[in-house]
Amino acid sequence: MNSDEIDKFVNNSVERLKNMQGFEKVRFIMLYGSSVEGIPREESDIDLCIDIDADTDYERSSFRLKVLSELSDLFDVQIFEQLPLM
C-alpha cells in the first residue's frame, strides 16, 4: 500500500472503532512505525498505539483484544500504558 492508501485504510478503520463499546474511554490513537516513516514494505503491518482511560491492566488488555477483533490482520495494536520503557 502506498501512503495515501494507508491513510484511507487507517481512517476507515478508526471510524469503525468509534462505534465500539468502550471507545469513549480512548484518549488518543497514534499511528507509528514504518507506515508513518514512509518506508513500509509489502509485509509491513500498520502499528497503532491507543491510550485508554482504564484502571487496570486487565481492562486495557480486554480493550486491546476487542480492537484487534474489529480490525484487519494488517494492524498491530498496542496500549500506551503497557508499552515497555526504553
PDB file of N, CA and C in Angstrom:
ATOM      1  N   MET A   1       0.840  -1.186   0.000  1.00  0.00           N
ATOM      2  CA  MET A   1       0.000   0.000   0.000  1.00  0.00           C
ATOM      3  C   MET A   1       0.879   1.241   0.000  1.00  0.00           C
ATOM      4  N   ASN A   2       0.462   2.216  -0.746  1.00  0.00           N
ATOM      5  CA  ASN A   2       1.180   3.489  -0.683  1.00  0.00           C
ATOM      6  C   ASN A   2       0.628   4.310   0.485  1.00  0.00           C
ATOM      7  N   SER A   3       1.219   5.447   0.746  1.00  0.00           N
ATOM      8  CA  SER A   3       0.858   6.216   1.938  1.00  0.00           C
ATOM      9  C   SER A   3      -0.573   6.746   1.889  1.00  0.00           C
ATOM     10  N   ASP A   4      -1.076   7.111   0.717  1.00  0.00           N
ATOM     11  CA  ASP A   4      -2.471   7.560   0.606  1.00  0.00           C
ATOM     12  C   ASP A   4      -3.441   6.419   0.909  1.00  0.00           C
ATOM     13  N   GLU A   5      -3.127   5.234   0.414  1.00  0.00           N
ATOM     14  CA  GLU A   5      -3.970   4.065   0.687  1.00  0.00           C
ATOM     15  C   GLU A   5      -3.947   3.709   2.170  1.00  0.00           C
ATOM     16  N   ILE A   6      -2.773   3.809   2.785  1.00  0.00           N
ATOM     17  CA  ILE A   6      -2.656   3.534   4.218  1.00  0.00           C
ATOM     18  C   ILE A   6      -3.494   4.528   5.010  1.00  0.00           C
ATOM     19  N   ASP A   7      -3.388   5.818   4.671  1.00  0.00           N
ATOM     20  CA  ASP A   7      -4.172   6.853   5.369  1.00  0.00           C
ATOM     21  C   ASP A   7      -5.669   6.561   5.288  1.00  0.00           C
ATOM     22  N   LYS A   8      -6.136   6.252   4.103  1.00  0.00           N
ATOM     23  CA  LYS A   8      -7.563   5.974   3.918  1.00  0.00           C
ATOM     24  C   LYS A   8      -7.974   4.725   4.700  1.00  0.00           C
ATOM     25  N   PHE A   9      -7.163   3.694   4.643  1.00  0.00           N
ATOM     26  CA  PHE A   9      -7.443   2.440   5.343  1.00  0.00           C
ATOM     27  C   PHE A   9      -7.487   2.665   6.854  1.00  0.00           C
ATOM     28  N   VAL A  10      -6.523   3.415   7.380  1.00  0.00           N
ATOM     29  CA  VAL A  10      -6.478   3.708   8.818  1.00  0.00           C
ATOM     30  C   VAL A  10      -7.682   4.549   9.225  1.00  0.00           C
ATOM     31  N   ASN A  11      -7.986   5.589   8.476  1.00  0.00           N
ATOM     32  CA  ASN A  11      -9.131   6.448   8.806  1.00  0.00           C
ATOM     33  C   ASN A  11     -10.437   5.662   8.815  1.00  0.00           C
ATOM     34  N   ASN A  12     -10.642   4.811   7.830  1.00  0.00           N
ATOM     35  CA  ASN A  12     -11.852   3.983   7.793  1.00  0.00           C
ATOM     36  C   ASN A  12     -11.905   3.030   8.983  1.00  0.00           C
ATOM     37  N   SER A  13     -10.775   2.474   9.344  1.00  0.00           N
ATOM     38  CA  SER A  13     -10.714   1.541  10.471  1.00  0.00           C
ATOM     39  C   SER A  13     -10.999   2.247  11.791  1.00  0.00           C
ATOM     40  N   VAL A  14     -10.451   3.434  11.974  1.00  0.00           N
ATOM     41  CA  VAL A  14     -10.699   4.198  13.202  1.00  0.00           C
ATOM     42  C   VAL A  14     -12.168   4.598  13.283  1.00  0.00           C
ATOM     43  N   GLU A  15     -12.772   4.937  12.165  1.00  0.00           N
ATOM     44  CA  GLU A  15     -14.206   5.257  12.166  1.00  0.00           C
ATOM     45  C   GLU A  15     -15.022   4.061  12.646  1.00  0.00           C
ATOM     46  N   ARG A  16     -14.637   2.860  12.243  1.00  0.00           N
ATOM     47  CA  ARG A  16     -15.329   1.656  12.727  1.00  0.00           C
ATOM     48  C   ARG A  16     -15.150   1.496  14.229  1.00  0.00           C
ATOM     49  N   LEU A  17     -13.955   1.787  14.719  1.00  0.00           N
ATOM     50  CA  LEU A  17     -13.693   1.652  16.154  1.00  0.00           C
ATOM     51  C   LEU A  17     -14.529   2.620  16.981  1.00  0.00           C
ATOM     52  N   LYS A  18     -14.842   3.776  16.425  1.00  0.00           N
ATOM     53  CA  LYS A  18     -15.613   4.780  17.164  1.00  0.00           C
ATOM     54  C   LYS A  18     -16.985   4.261  17.583  1.00  0.00           C
ATOM     55  N   ASN A  19     -17.492   3.256  16.900  1.00  0.00           N
ATOM     56  CA  ASN A  19     -18.785   2.667  17.238  1.00  0.00           C
ATOM     57  C   ASN A  19     -18.667   1.526  18.247  1.00  0.00           C
ATOM     58  N   MET A  20     -17.455   1.199  18.624  1.00  0.00           N
ATOM     59  CA  MET A  20     -17.217   0.080  19.521  1.00  0.00           C
ATOM     60  C   MET A  20     -17.492   0.466  20.974  1.00  0.00           C
ATOM     61  N   GLN A  21     -18.051  -0.466  21.735  1.00  0.00           N
ATOM     62  CA  GLN A  21     -18.278  -0.230  23.154  1.00  0.00           C
ATOM     63  C   GLN A  21     -16.937   0.027  23.849  1.00  0.00           C
ATOM     64  N   GLY A  22     -16.879   1.074  24.650  1.00  0.00           N
ATOM     65  CA  GLY A  22     -15.662   1.424  25.372  1.00  0.00           C
ATOM     66  C   GLY A  22     -14.819   2.485  24.689  1.00  0.00           C
ATOM     67  N   PHE A  23     -15.165   2.828  23.437  1.00  0.00           N
ATOM     68  CA  PHE A  23     -14.346   3.799  22.707  1.00  0.00           C
ATOM     69  C   PHE A  23     -14.345   5.168  23.377  1.00  0.00           C
ATOM     70  N   GLU A  24     -15.391   5.478  24.134  1.00  0.00           N
ATOM     71  CA  GLU A  24     -15.457   6.785  24.798  1.00  0.00           C
ATOM     72  C   GLU A  24     -14.315   6.980  25.800  1.00  0.00           C
ATOM     73  N   LYS A  25     -13.642   5.893  26.178  1.00  0.00           N
ATOM     74  CA  LYS A  25     -12.513   5.990  27.111  1.00  0.00           C
ATOM     75  C   LYS A  25     -11.177   6.233  26.402  1.00  0.00           C
ATOM     76  N   VAL A  26     -11.182   6.193  25.078  1.00  0.00           N
ATOM     77  CA  VAL A  26      -9.944   6.400  24.314  1.00  0.00           C
ATOM     78  C   VAL A  26      -9.559   7.873  24.374  1.00  0.00           C
ATOM     79  N   ARG A  27      -8.309   8.121  24.782  1.00  0.00           N
ATOM     80  CA  ARG A  27      -7.791   9.498  24.830  1.00  0.00           C
ATOM     81  C   ARG A  27      -7.145   9.882  23.510  1.00  0.00           C
ATOM     82  N   PHE A  28      -6.369   8.961  22.959  1.00  0.00           N
ATOM     83  CA  PHE A  28      -5.785   9.204  21.638  1.00  0.00           C
ATOM     84  C   PHE A  28      -5.397   7.886  20.987  1.00  0.00           C
ATOM     85  N   ILE A  29      -5.268   7.948  19.658  1.00  0.00           N
ATOM     86  CA  ILE A  29      -4.750   6.837  18.863  1.00  0.00           C
ATOM     87  C   ILE A  29      -3.594   7.395  18.053  1.00  0.00           C
ATOM     88  N   MET A  30      -2.464   6.722  18.145  1.00  0.00           N
ATOM     89  CA  MET A  30      -1.268   7.193  17.453  1.00  0.00           C
ATOM     90  C   MET A  30      -0.832   6.141  16.427  1.00  0.00           C
ATOM     91  N   LEU A  31      -0.599   6.582  15.222  1.00  0.00           N
ATOM     92  CA  LEU A  31      -0.048   5.750  14.170  1.00  0.00           C
ATOM     93  C   LEU A  31       1.466   5.896  14.224  1.00  0.00           C
ATOM     94  N   TYR A  32       2.182   4.775  14.201  1.00  0.00           N
ATOM     95  CA  TYR A  32       3.639   4.840  14.256  1.00  0.00           C
ATOM     96  C   TYR A  32       4.232   3.711  13.416  1.00  0.00           C
ATOM     97  N   GLY A  33       5.534   3.668  13.326  1.00  0.00           N
ATOM     98  CA  GLY A  33       6.204   2.591  12.608  1.00  0.00           C
ATOM     99  C   GLY A  33       6.496   2.928  11.156  1.00  0.00           C
ATOM    100  N   SER A  34       6.743   1.880  10.384  1.00  0.00           N
ATOM    101  CA  SER A  34       7.205   2.062   9.005  1.00  0.00           C
ATOM    102  C   SER A  34       6.179   2.764   8.122  1.00  0.00           C
ATOM    103  N   SER A  35       4.893   2.607   8.423  1.00  0.00           N
ATOM    104  CA  SER A  35       3.889   3.280   7.588  1.00  0.00           C
ATOM    105  C   SER A  35       3.925   4.793   7.762  1.00  0.00           C
ATOM    106  N   VAL A  36       4.353   5.266   8.923  1.00  0.00           N
ATOM    107  CA  VAL A  36       4.487   6.706   9.170  1.00  0.00           C
ATOM    108  C   VAL A  36       5.823   7.216   8.643  1.00  0.00           C
ATOM    109  N   GLU A  37       6.838   6.396   8.789  1.00  0.00           N
ATOM    110  CA  GLU A  37       8.181   6.795   8.365  1.00  0.00           C
ATOM    111  C   GLU A  37       8.316   6.813   6.846  1.00  0.00           C
ATOM    112  N   GLY A  38       7.294   6.305   6.157  1.00  0.00           N
ATOM    113  CA  GLY A  38       7.320   6.317   4.699  1.00  0.00           C
ATOM    114  C   GLY A  38       8.146   5.211   4.089  1.00  0.00           C
ATOM    115  N   ILE A  39       8.406   4.158   4.870  1.00  0.00           N
ATOM    116  CA  ILE A  39       9.214   3.056   4.358  1.00  0.00           C
ATOM    117  C   ILE A  39       8.533   1.695   4.552  1.00  0.00           C
ATOM    118  N   PRO A  40       7.204   1.624   4.330  1.00  0.00           N
ATOM    119  CA  PRO A  40       6.557   0.317   4.505  1.00  0.00           C
ATOM    120  C   PRO A  40       7.000  -0.654   3.414  1.00  0.00           C
ATOM    121  N   ARG A  41       7.124  -1.905   3.814  1.00  0.00           N
ATOM    122  CA  ARG A  41       7.429  -2.966   2.855  1.00  0.00           C
ATOM    123  C   ARG A  41       6.142  -3.756   2.620  1.00  0.00           C
ATOM    124  N   GLU A  42       6.175  -4.631   1.680  1.00  0.00           N
ATOM    125  CA  GLU A  42       4.997  -5.444   1.347  1.00  0.00           C
ATOM    126  C   GLU A  42       4.462  -6.185   2.576  1.00  0.00           C
ATOM    127  N   GLU A  43       5.356  -6.683   3.422  1.00  0.00           N
ATOM    128  CA  GLU A  43       4.949  -7.471   4.592  1.00  0.00           C
ATOM    129  C   GLU A  43       4.748  -6.623   5.853  1.00  0.00           C
ATOM    130  N   SER A  44       4.872  -5.311   5.747  1.00  0.00           N
ATOM    131  CA  SER A  44       4.728  -4.429   6.912  1.00  0.00           C
ATOM    132  C   SER A  44       3.298  -4.427   7.430  1.00  0.00           C
ATOM    133  N   ASP A  45       3.191  -4.346   8.763  1.00  0.00           N
ATOM    134  CA  ASP A  45       1.875  -4.155   9.356  1.00  0.00           C
ATOM    135  C   ASP A  45       1.666  -2.664   9.609  1.00  0.00           C
ATOM    136  N   ILE A  46       0.500  -2.321  10.124  1.00  0.00           N
ATOM    137  CA  ILE A  46       0.179  -0.937  10.454  1.00  0.00           C
ATOM    138  C   ILE A  46       0.111  -0.858  11.970  1.00  0.00           C
ATOM    139  N   ASP A  47       1.003  -0.075  12.549  1.00  0.00           N
ATOM    140  CA  ASP A  47       1.135  -0.010  14.003  1.00  0.00           C
ATOM    141  C   ASP A  47       0.276   1.103  14.587  1.00  0.00           C
ATOM    142  N   LEU A  48      -0.592   0.732  15.532  1.00  0.00           N
ATOM    143  CA  LEU A  48      -1.410   1.698  16.256  1.00  0.00           C
ATOM    144  C   LEU A  48      -1.117   1.585  17.741  1.00  0.00           C
ATOM    145  N   CYS A  49      -1.037   2.722  18.391  1.00  0.00           N
ATOM    146  CA  CYS A  49      -0.899   2.782  19.840  1.00  0.00           C
ATOM    147  C   CYS A  49      -2.123   3.527  20.368  1.00  0.00           C
ATOM    148  N   ILE A  50      -2.805   2.920  21.330  1.00  0.00           N
ATOM    149  CA  ILE A  50      -4.027   3.510  21.875  1.00  0.00           C
ATOM    150  C   ILE A  50      -3.811   3.853  23.341  1.00  0.00           C
ATOM    151  N   ASP A  51      -4.187   5.068  23.704  1.00  0.00           N
ATOM    152  CA  ASP A  51      -4.188   5.483  25.115  1.00  0.00           C
ATOM    153  C   ASP A  51      -5.637   5.450  25.581  1.00  0.00           C
ATOM    154  N   ILE A  52      -5.901   4.657  26.606  1.00  0.00           N
ATOM    155  CA  ILE A  52      -7.266   4.482  27.092  1.00  0.00           C
ATOM    156  C   ILE A  52      -7.324   4.776  28.585  1.00  0.00           C
ATOM    157  N   ASP A  53      -8.396   5.409  29.000  1.00  0.00           N
ATOM    158  CA  ASP A  53      -8.626   5.725  30.408  1.00  0.00           C
ATOM    159  C   ASP A  53      -9.189   4.478  31.089  1.00  0.00           C
ATOM    160  N   ALA A  54      -8.294   3.635  31.581  1.00  0.00           N
ATOM    161  CA  ALA A  54      -8.686   2.384  32.232  1.00  0.00           C
ATOM    162  C   ALA A  54      -7.927   2.251  33.543  1.00  0.00           C
ATOM    163  N   ASP A  55      -8.559   1.610  34.513  1.00  0.00           N
ATOM    164  CA  ASP A  55      -7.966   1.492  35.842  1.00  0.00           C
ATOM    165  C   ASP A  55      -7.023   0.308  36.000  1.00  0.00           C
ATOM    166  N   THR A  56      -7.222  -0.738  35.204  1.00  0.00           N
ATOM    167  CA  THR A  56      -6.430  -1.954  35.401  1.00  0.00           C
ATOM    168  C   THR A  56      -5.824  -2.431  34.086  1.00  0.00           C
ATOM    169  N   ASP A  57      -4.750  -3.219  34.197  1.00  0.00           N
ATOM    170  CA  ASP A  57      -4.162  -3.831  33.005  1.00  0.00           C
ATOM    171  C   ASP A  57      -5.142  -4.794  32.349  1.00  0.00           C
ATOM    172  N   TYR A  58      -5.956  -5.456  33.159  1.00  0.00           N
ATOM    173  CA  TYR A  58      -6.959  -6.369  32.606  1.00  0.00           C
ATOM    174  C   TYR A  58      -7.920  -5.612  31.684  1.00  0.00           C
ATOM    175  N   GLU A  59      -8.395  -4.463  32.141  1.00  0.00           N
ATOM    176  CA  GLU A  59      -9.310  -3.647  31.337  1.00  0.00           C
ATOM    177  C   GLU A  59      -8.624  -3.180  30.050  1.00  0.00           C
ATOM    178  N   ARG A  60      -7.360  -2.777  30.161  1.00  0.00           N
ATOM    179  CA  ARG A  60      -6.609  -2.337  28.978  1.00  0.00           C
ATOM    180  C   ARG A  60      -6.422  -3.487  27.989  1.00  0.00           C
ATOM    181  N   SER A  61      -6.038  -4.646  28.509  1.00  0.00           N
ATOM    182  CA  SER A  61      -5.816  -5.813  27.645  1.00  0.00           C
ATOM    183  C   SER A  61      -7.109  -6.271  26.987  1.00  0.00           C
ATOM    184  N   SER A  62      -8.198  -6.240  27.731  1.00  0.00           N
ATOM    185  CA  SER A  62      -9.502  -6.621  27.169  1.00  0.00           C
ATOM    186  C   SER A  62      -9.889  -5.685  26.034  1.00  0.00           C
ATOM    187  N   PHE A  63      -9.643  -4.398  26.232  1.00  0.00           N
ATOM    188  CA  PHE A  63      -9.955  -3.426  25.182  1.00  0.00           C
ATOM    189  C   PHE A  63      -9.094  -3.685  23.951  1.00  0.00           C
ATOM    190  N   ARG A  64      -7.824  -3.962  24.156  1.00  0.00           N
ATOM    191  CA  ARG A  64      -6.919  -4.248  23.037  1.00  0.00           C
ATOM    192  C   ARG A  64      -7.423  -5.449  22.233  1.00  0.00           C
ATOM    193  N   LEU A  65      -7.849  -6.496  22.924  1.00  0.00           N
ATOM    194  CA  LEU A  65      -8.356  -7.677  22.227  1.00  0.00           C
ATOM    195  C   LEU A  65      -9.627  -7.364  21.439  1.00  0.00           C
ATOM    196  N   LYS A  66     -10.499  -6.526  21.999  1.00  0.00           N
ATOM    197  CA  LYS A  66     -11.704  -6.116  21.263  1.00  0.00           C
ATOM    198  C   LYS A  66     -11.323  -5.359  19.998  1.00  0.00           C
ATOM    199  N   VAL A  67     -10.351  -4.456  20.129  1.00  0.00           N
ATOM    200  CA  VAL A  67      -9.902  -3.676  18.968  1.00  0.00           C
ATOM    201  C   VAL A  67      -9.321  -4.604  17.906  1.00  0.00           C
ATOM    202  N   LEU A  68      -8.467  -5.523  18.326  1.00  0.00           N
ATOM    203  CA  LEU A  68      -7.857  -6.450  17.370  1.00  0.00           C
ATOM    204  C   LEU A  68      -8.908  -7.291  16.654  1.00  0.00           C
ATOM    205  N   SER A  69      -9.980  -7.650  17.358  1.00  0.00           N
ATOM    206  CA  SER A  69     -11.034  -8.454  16.725  1.00  0.00           C
ATOM    207  C   SER A  69     -11.847  -7.633  15.720  1.00  0.00           C
ATOM    208  N   GLU A  70     -11.843  -6.317  15.867  1.00  0.00           N
ATOM    209  CA  GLU A  70     -12.584  -5.432  14.958  1.00  0.00           C
ATOM    210  C   GLU A  70     -11.779  -5.055  13.720  1.00  0.00           C
ATOM    211  N   LEU A  71     -10.465  -5.101  13.828  1.00  0.00           N
ATOM    212  CA  LEU A  71      -9.606  -4.599  12.754  1.00  0.00           C
ATOM    213  C   LEU A  71      -9.046  -5.729  11.904  1.00  0.00           C
ATOM    214  N   SER A  72      -8.561  -5.345  10.746  1.00  0.00           N
ATOM    215  CA  SER A  72      -7.884  -6.259   9.841  1.00  0.00           C
ATOM    216  C   SER A  72      -6.609  -6.798  10.490  1.00  0.00           C
ATOM    217  N   ASP A  73      -6.177  -7.954  10.015  1.00  0.00           N
ATOM    218  CA  ASP A  73      -4.922  -8.544  10.494  1.00  0.00           C
ATOM    219  C   ASP A  73      -3.705  -7.707  10.115  1.00  0.00           C
ATOM    220  N   LEU A  74      -3.900  -6.686   9.293  1.00  0.00           N
ATOM    221  CA  LEU A  74      -2.788  -5.810   8.924  1.00  0.00           C
ATOM    222  C   LEU A  74      -2.356  -4.906  10.077  1.00  0.00           C
ATOM    223  N   PHE A  75      -3.182  -4.828  11.135  1.00  0.00           N
ATOM    224  CA  PHE A  75      -2.882  -3.937  12.251  1.00  0.00           C
ATOM    225  C   PHE A  75      -2.172  -4.661  13.382  1.00  0.00           C
ATOM    226  N   ASP A  76      -1.221  -3.957  13.981  1.00  0.00           N
ATOM    227  CA  ASP A  76      -0.639  -4.351  15.261  1.00  0.00           C
ATOM    228  C   ASP A  76      -1.043  -3.257  16.237  1.00  0.00           C
ATOM    229  N   VAL A  77      -1.761  -3.624  17.288  1.00  0.00           N
ATOM    230  CA  VAL A  77      -2.298  -2.649  18.233  1.00  0.00           C
ATOM    231  C   VAL A  77      -1.632  -2.829  19.585  1.00  0.00           C
ATOM    232  N   GLN A  78      -1.154  -1.730  20.139  1.00  0.00           N
ATOM    233  CA  GLN A  78      -0.562  -1.724  21.477  1.00  0.00           C
ATOM    234  C   GLN A  78      -1.280  -0.686  22.329  1.00  0.00           C
ATOM    235  N   ILE A  79      -1.289  -0.931  23.629  1.00  0.00           N
ATOM    236  CA  ILE A  79      -1.867   0.019  24.576  1.00  0.00           C
ATOM    237  C   ILE A  79      -0.722   0.848  25.150  1.00  0.00           C
ATOM    238  N   PHE A  80      -0.874   2.161  25.112  1.00  0.00           N
ATOM    239  CA  PHE A  80       0.184   3.090  25.507  1.00  0.00           C
ATOM    240  C   PHE A  80       0.754   2.767  26.885  1.00  0.00           C
ATOM    241  N   GLU A  81      -0.121   2.553  27.865  1.00  0.00           N
ATOM    242  CA  GLU A  81       0.338   2.317  29.239  1.00  0.00           C
ATOM    243  C   GLU A  81       1.056   0.985  29.409  1.00  0.00           C
ATOM    244  N   GLN A  82       0.933   0.102  28.441  1.00  0.00           N
ATOM    245  CA  GLN A  82       1.556  -1.214  28.540  1.00  0.00           C
ATOM    246  C   GLN A  82       2.819  -1.344  27.696  1.00  0.00           C
ATOM    247  N   LEU A  83       3.208  -0.260  27.041  1.00  0.00           N
ATOM    248  CA  LEU A  83       4.439  -0.306  26.250  1.00  0.00           C
ATOM    249  C   LEU A  83       5.648  -0.379  27.177  1.00  0.00           C
ATOM    250  N   PRO A  84       6.681  -1.104  26.770  1.00  0.00           N
ATOM    251  CA  PRO A  84       7.884  -1.171  27.609  1.00  0.00           C
ATOM    252  C   PRO A  84       8.628   0.165  27.619  1.00  0.00           C
ATOM    253  N   LEU A  85       9.198   0.476  28.750  1.00  0.00           N
ATOM    254  CA  LEU A  85      10.047   1.664  28.836  1.00  0.00           C
ATOM    255  C   LEU A  85      11.385   1.337  28.206  1.00  0.00           C
ATOM    256  N   MET A  86      11.972   2.299  27.538  1.00  0.00           N
ATOM    257  CA  MET A  86      13.260   2.045  26.890  1.00  0.00           C
ATOM    258  C   MET A  86      14.381   2.546  27.743  1.00  0.00           C
TER     259      MET A  86
END
